[in-house]
Protein backbone atom coordinates (compact mmCIF):
# COMPACT_ATOMS: atom_id res chain seq x y z
CA MET A 1 27.46 -24.26 -7.02
CA THR A 2 27.46 -21.54 -4.86
CA PHE A 3 24.52 -19.72 -3.49
CA PHE A 4 23.63 -16.60 -2.69
CA GLU A 5 24.16 -15.03 0.24
CA GLU A 6 21.87 -13.09 2.75
CA PRO A 7 23.92 -9.64 3.26
CA THR A 8 24.41 -9.26 7.17
CA PHE A 9 23.66 -5.74 6.58
CA TYR A 10 21.84 -3.18 5.09
CA ASP A 11 22.42 0.63 4.52
CA LYS A 12 19.74 2.50 6.10
CA THR A 13 18.82 5.18 3.40
CA ALA A 14 16.17 7.67 3.42
CA LEU A 15 14.27 5.60 0.57
CA SER A 16 14.28 2.36 3.44
CA GLU A 17 12.35 5.15 5.81
CA LEU A 18 10.06 6.91 3.63
CA GLN A 19 9.12 3.12 2.66
CA GLY A 20 9.53 2.29 6.42
CA ALA A 21 6.96 5.21 7.17
CA TRP A 22 4.30 4.02 4.50
CA ILE A 23 3.79 0.42 6.12
CA CYS A 24 2.89 1.90 9.11
CA LEU A 25 0.48 4.13 8.13
CA ARG A 26 -0.55 1.43 5.51
CA ASP A 27 -0.92 -0.84 8.62
CA TYR A 28 -2.37 1.94 10.86
CA VAL A 29 -5.23 1.71 8.43
CA VAL A 30 -5.51 -1.10 8.64
CA LYS A 31 -6.44 -2.04 12.49
CA GLU A 32 -8.48 0.87 12.96
CA PHE A 33 -10.63 0.34 9.32
CA GLY A 34 -14.18 0.84 9.54
CA PHE A 35 -13.32 4.98 9.92
CA LYS A 36 -15.32 7.54 6.68
CA ASN A 37 -12.95 6.94 3.99
CA SER A 38 -10.37 4.25 5.40
CA ASP A 39 -11.23 1.67 2.07
CA LYS A 40 -10.12 5.24 -0.34
CA LEU A 41 -7.33 6.13 2.11
CA ILE A 42 -6.15 2.46 1.68
CA PHE A 43 -6.51 2.56 -2.48
CA HIS A 44 -4.51 5.54 -2.09
CA ILE A 45 -1.76 4.35 0.43
CA ALA A 46 -1.01 1.22 -1.96
CA GLU A 47 -0.76 3.42 -5.09
CA ALA A 48 1.97 5.75 -3.45
CA MET A 49 3.64 2.68 -3.12
CA SER A 50 4.07 1.25 -5.53
CA TRP A 51 7.01 0.95 -7.97
CA GLU A 52 5.70 3.28 -10.63
CA CYS A 53 5.23 5.89 -7.69
CA VAL A 54 8.45 5.12 -6.53
CA ARG A 55 10.53 5.54 -9.96
CA ASP A 56 8.22 8.60 -10.55
CA ILE A 57 8.72 10.24 -6.51
CA GLY A 58 7.69 13.11 -8.12
CA SER A 59 4.14 12.30 -8.51
CA MET A 60 4.34 10.69 -4.45
CA LYS A 61 3.65 14.36 -3.71
CA PRO A 62 0.31 15.01 -4.43
CA LEU A 63 -0.87 11.72 -3.21
CA ILE A 64 0.39 12.48 0.18
CA LEU A 65 -1.52 15.78 -0.07
CA LEU A 66 -4.47 13.77 -1.06
CA ILE A 67 -4.48 10.86 1.37
CA ASP A 68 -4.01 13.43 4.03
CA ASN A 69 -6.77 15.54 2.88
CA ILE A 70 -9.26 12.53 2.90
CA ALA A 71 -7.91 11.35 6.25
CA LYS A 72 -9.18 15.06 7.42
CA GLN A 73 -11.94 15.25 6.32
CA ALA A 74 -12.92 11.73 7.44
CA ASP A 75 -11.69 12.98 11.00
CA ALA A 76 -9.29 10.10 10.91
CA PRO A 77 -7.89 8.92 14.19
CA ASN A 78 -4.76 11.03 15.55
CA LEU A 79 -2.52 8.34 15.18
CA ILE A 80 -3.79 7.94 10.69
CA ILE A 81 -2.70 11.73 10.83
CA GLU A 82 0.26 11.92 12.98
CA ALA A 83 1.65 8.82 10.97
CA ILE A 84 0.58 11.02 6.88
CA GLU A 85 2.69 13.45 8.61
CA ASP A 86 5.44 11.00 9.56
CA VAL A 87 5.45 10.20 5.69
CA ARG A 88 5.80 13.98 4.29
CA GLU A 89 8.50 13.88 6.66
CA ALA A 90 10.74 10.95 5.17
CA TYR A 91 9.21 12.38 1.67
CA GLU A 92 11.16 15.67 2.25
CA ASP A 93 14.03 13.99 3.22
CA VAL A 94 14.30 11.88 0.54
CA LEU A 95 13.90 14.86 -1.94
CA THR A 96 17.03 16.36 0.25
CA GLU A 97 18.89 13.42 -0.30
CA ILE A 98 18.36 13.50 -4.29
CA SER A 99 18.72 16.98 -4.38
CA GLY A 100 22.42 16.21 -2.85
CA GLY A 101 23.37 13.28 -4.18
CA LYS A 102 23.03 10.91 -1.69
CA LEU A 103 20.02 9.53 -3.73
């Protein structure tokens, strides 16, 4: 019987960068939880990270905008606002790679 061996390397792609940006954003919101509408942010971040949203990458853009608006209206900590910008940049990188045929 053979066993599946864990790969020793992974290709770093724009999608993995986007996933990492979402994870960091979620972690920041959890750490700072308690500010106005932080619960709404967690909900929409989870929605944006869902398999359905990743499969239809275009559906992620309105969620990024919504999350950004909620955070800014709630006067979320600057760390969270910056993390949302990181997500936006990573998302744009994914779209660029898709249009260039890399993904």
